[in-house]
């Protein structure tokens, strides 16, 4: 089955560049924080699953993700 997409070549290029920047930033931050982001966004895990892996609580994982997202936003804005 073929899916129709409205993405242009430029859209795809921008997504790849964004992913590359995020991966580079993840190499520079706290390894535990990088693990949390990878589990959440690359492995699509729920907060409760991540909490079990890192021996924490779902609430703590959510708070950590919010903190990391804010930190990543600042770094990405600094690159622009």
N, C-alpha and C. Protein backbone atom coordinates (compact mmCIF):
# COMPACT_ATOMS: atom_id res chain seq x y z
N UNK A 1 0.84 -1.17 0.00
CA UNK A 1 0.00 0.00 0.00
C UNK A 1 0.89 1.24 0.00
N UNK A 2 0.59 2.18 -0.85
CA UNK A 2 1.38 3.39 -0.97
C UNK A 2 0.66 4.54 -0.27
N UNK A 3 1.41 5.26 0.57
CA UNK A 3 0.84 6.40 1.28
C UNK A 3 1.16 7.68 0.54
N UNK A 4 0.21 8.57 0.47
CA UNK A 4 0.41 9.86 -0.17
C UNK A 4 0.84 10.86 0.90
N UNK A 5 1.89 11.60 0.60
CA UNK A 5 2.39 12.58 1.55
C UNK A 5 2.49 13.94 0.87
N UNK A 6 2.30 14.97 1.64
CA UNK A 6 2.41 16.32 1.11
C UNK A 6 3.78 16.91 1.38
N UNK A 7 4.71 16.10 1.87
CA UNK A 7 6.04 16.60 2.18
C UNK A 7 6.83 16.83 0.90
N UNK A 8 7.49 17.96 0.87
CA UNK A 8 8.37 18.26 -0.26
C UNK A 8 9.78 17.79 0.08
N UNK A 9 10.65 17.81 -0.89
CA UNK A 9 12.05 17.45 -0.65
C UNK A 9 12.65 18.38 0.40
N UNK A 10 12.27 19.65 0.38
CA UNK A 10 12.77 20.61 1.36
C UNK A 10 12.29 20.25 2.77
N UNK A 11 11.03 19.83 2.89
CA UNK A 11 10.49 19.40 4.18
C UNK A 11 11.31 18.25 4.74
N UNK A 12 11.59 17.28 3.90
CA UNK A 12 12.34 16.10 4.32
C UNK A 12 13.76 16.48 4.72
N UNK A 13 14.37 17.35 3.95
CA UNK A 13 15.72 17.82 4.26
C UNK A 13 15.75 18.55 5.60
N UNK A 14 14.78 19.40 5.83
CA UNK A 14 14.70 20.14 7.10
C UNK A 14 14.50 19.19 8.29
N UNK A 15 13.67 18.18 8.12
CA UNK A 15 13.45 17.19 9.18
C UNK A 15 14.75 16.45 9.49
N UNK A 16 15.47 16.07 8.46
CA UNK A 16 16.74 15.35 8.67
C UNK A 16 17.76 16.23 9.36
N UNK A 17 17.82 17.50 8.96
CA UNK A 17 18.76 18.44 9.58
C UNK A 17 18.40 18.65 11.05
N UNK A 18 17.10 18.79 11.33
CA UNK A 18 16.64 18.96 12.71
C UNK A 18 17.02 17.75 13.55
N UNK A 19 16.78 16.56 13.01
CA UNK A 19 17.12 15.33 13.73
C UNK A 19 18.61 15.24 14.00
N UNK A 20 19.42 15.65 13.02
CA UNK A 20 20.87 15.63 13.18
C UNK A 20 21.30 16.59 14.30
N UNK A 21 20.71 17.78 14.32
CA UNK A 21 21.03 18.76 15.36
C UNK A 21 20.63 18.22 16.73
N UNK A 22 19.46 17.63 16.82
CA UNK A 22 19.00 17.10 18.11
C UNK A 22 19.92 15.97 18.58
N UNK A 23 20.31 15.08 17.68
CA UNK A 23 21.22 13.99 18.06
C UNK A 23 22.56 14.55 18.56
N UNK A 24 23.06 15.59 17.92
CA UNK A 24 24.32 16.20 18.35
C UNK A 24 24.17 16.80 19.74
N UNK A 25 23.06 17.49 19.97
CA UNK A 25 22.82 18.10 21.29
C UNK A 25 22.70 17.01 22.35
N UNK A 26 22.05 15.89 22.02
CA UNK A 26 21.90 14.80 22.97
C UNK A 26 23.25 14.23 23.40
N UNK A 27 24.24 14.31 22.52
CA UNK A 27 25.58 13.85 22.87
C UNK A 27 26.23 14.76 23.91
N UNK A 28 25.76 16.00 23.98
CA UNK A 28 26.37 17.00 24.85
C UNK A 28 25.70 17.15 26.22
N UNK A 29 24.51 16.54 26.38
CA UNK A 29 23.80 16.72 27.65
C UNK A 29 24.02 15.51 28.56
N UNK A 30 23.51 15.62 29.77
CA UNK A 30 23.58 14.57 30.77
C UNK A 30 23.13 13.24 30.14
N UNK A 31 23.94 12.19 30.27
CA UNK A 31 23.58 10.90 29.64
C UNK A 31 22.21 10.36 30.07
N UNK A 32 21.83 10.56 31.32
CA UNK A 32 20.51 10.09 31.78
C UNK A 32 19.41 10.86 31.06
N UNK A 33 19.60 12.16 30.88
CA UNK A 33 18.61 12.97 30.17
C UNK A 33 18.51 12.54 28.71
N UNK A 34 19.65 12.27 28.10
CA UNK A 34 19.66 11.81 26.71
C UNK A 34 18.91 10.48 26.58
N UNK A 35 19.12 9.59 27.55
CA UNK A 35 18.43 8.30 27.54
C UNK A 35 16.92 8.50 27.62
N UNK A 36 16.49 9.38 28.50
CA UNK A 36 15.05 9.64 28.67
C UNK A 36 14.45 10.15 27.36
N UNK A 37 15.12 11.08 26.70
CA UNK A 37 14.62 11.62 25.44
C UNK A 37 14.58 10.54 24.37
N UNK A 38 15.63 9.74 24.30
CA UNK A 38 15.65 8.67 23.30
C UNK A 38 14.51 7.67 23.53
N UNK A 39 14.30 7.30 24.79
CA UNK A 39 13.24 6.33 25.08
C UNK A 39 11.87 6.91 24.76
N UNK A 40 11.67 8.18 25.06
CA UNK A 40 10.37 8.80 24.84
C UNK A 40 10.08 9.03 23.35
N UNK A 41 11.02 9.63 22.65
CA UNK A 41 10.74 10.07 21.29
C UNK A 41 11.21 9.12 20.19
N UNK A 42 12.25 8.35 20.43
CA UNK A 42 12.69 7.41 19.40
C UNK A 42 12.06 6.03 19.61
N UNK A 43 11.84 5.67 20.87
CA UNK A 43 11.25 4.36 21.17
C UNK A 43 9.76 4.46 21.50
N UNK A 44 9.23 5.68 21.57
CA UNK A 44 7.81 5.94 21.84
C UNK A 44 7.31 5.29 23.14
N UNK A 45 8.15 5.30 24.15
CA UNK A 45 7.75 4.72 25.43
C UNK A 45 6.93 5.70 26.25
N UNK A 46 6.06 5.15 27.08
CA UNK A 46 5.26 5.95 28.00
C UNK A 46 6.11 6.33 29.21
N UNK A 47 5.68 7.38 29.90
CA UNK A 47 6.41 7.84 31.09
C UNK A 47 6.58 6.70 32.09
N UNK A 48 5.54 5.89 32.28
CA UNK A 48 5.60 4.80 33.26
C UNK A 48 6.65 3.76 32.88
N UNK A 49 6.78 3.50 31.58
CA UNK A 49 7.80 2.54 31.12
C UNK A 49 9.21 3.09 31.35
N UNK A 50 9.38 4.37 31.04
CA UNK A 50 10.69 5.01 31.24
C UNK A 50 11.03 5.03 32.72
N UNK A 51 10.03 5.33 33.55
CA UNK A 51 10.25 5.38 35.00
C UNK A 51 10.76 4.04 35.53
N UNK A 52 10.22 2.95 35.03
CA UNK A 52 10.68 1.62 35.45
C UNK A 52 12.13 1.40 35.05
N UNK A 53 12.48 1.82 33.86
CA UNK A 53 13.84 1.61 33.36
C UNK A 53 14.86 2.41 34.17
N UNK A 54 14.53 3.66 34.50
CA UNK A 54 15.50 4.50 35.20
C UNK A 54 15.28 4.52 36.71
N UNK A 55 14.38 3.67 37.19
CA UNK A 55 14.08 3.58 38.62
C UNK A 55 13.64 4.92 39.20
N UNK A 56 12.53 5.43 38.65
CA UNK A 56 12.00 6.73 39.05
C UNK A 56 10.47 6.65 39.03
N UNK A 57 9.84 7.83 39.08
CA UNK A 57 8.38 7.89 39.01
C UNK A 57 7.96 8.52 37.69
N UNK A 58 6.72 8.28 37.29
CA UNK A 58 6.20 8.87 36.05
C UNK A 58 6.22 10.39 36.13
N UNK A 59 5.86 10.93 37.29
CA UNK A 59 5.85 12.38 37.48
C UNK A 59 7.24 12.98 37.32
N UNK A 60 8.22 12.30 37.86
CA UNK A 60 9.60 12.76 37.74
C UNK A 60 10.06 12.72 36.28
N UNK A 61 9.68 11.68 35.58
CA UNK A 61 10.03 11.56 34.15
C UNK A 61 9.40 12.71 33.38
N UNK A 62 8.13 13.01 33.64
CA UNK A 62 7.45 14.11 32.95
C UNK A 62 8.12 15.44 33.22
N UNK A 63 8.49 15.68 34.47
CA UNK A 63 9.17 16.92 34.83
C UNK A 63 10.54 17.02 34.17
N UNK A 64 11.24 15.90 34.13
CA UNK A 64 12.56 15.87 33.51
C UNK A 64 12.45 16.14 32.01
N UNK A 65 11.45 15.55 31.37
CA UNK A 65 11.25 15.77 29.93
C UNK A 65 10.95 17.24 29.66
N UNK A 66 10.11 17.85 30.46
CA UNK A 66 9.80 19.28 30.29
C UNK A 66 11.06 20.12 30.44
N UNK A 67 11.88 19.80 31.43
CA UNK A 67 13.14 20.52 31.66
C UNK A 67 14.08 20.36 30.46
N UNK A 68 14.22 19.13 29.99
CA UNK A 68 15.11 18.85 28.86
C UNK A 68 14.62 19.56 27.60
N UNK A 69 13.31 19.53 27.36
CA UNK A 69 12.76 20.20 26.18
C UNK A 69 13.08 21.69 26.19
N UNK A 70 12.95 22.31 27.35
CA UNK A 70 13.26 23.73 27.49
C UNK A 70 14.75 23.97 27.18
N UNK A 71 15.59 23.11 27.71
CA UNK A 71 17.03 23.22 27.50
C UNK A 71 17.38 23.03 26.01
N UNK A 72 16.76 22.04 25.38
CA UNK A 72 16.99 21.78 23.96
C UNK A 72 16.53 22.95 23.10
N UNK A 73 15.36 23.54 23.44
CA UNK A 73 14.86 24.70 22.70
C UNK A 73 15.89 25.83 22.71
N UNK A 74 16.44 26.11 23.89
CA UNK A 74 17.42 27.18 24.02
C UNK A 74 18.65 26.90 23.17
N UNK A 75 19.11 25.65 23.18
CA UNK A 75 20.29 25.29 22.38
C UNK A 75 20.01 25.40 20.89
N UNK A 76 18.84 24.94 20.45
CA UNK A 76 18.48 25.01 19.04
C UNK A 76 18.34 26.46 18.60
N UNK A 77 17.74 27.30 19.43
CA UNK A 77 17.60 28.71 19.09
C UNK A 77 18.97 29.37 19.00
N UNK A 78 19.92 28.93 19.79
CA UNK A 78 21.28 29.47 19.74
C UNK A 78 22.00 29.09 18.46
N UNK A 79 21.60 28.00 17.82
CA UNK A 79 22.20 27.54 16.58
C UNK A 79 21.72 28.37 15.41
N UNK A 80 20.46 28.77 15.47
CA UNK A 80 19.86 29.53 14.35
C UNK A 80 20.54 30.81 14.14
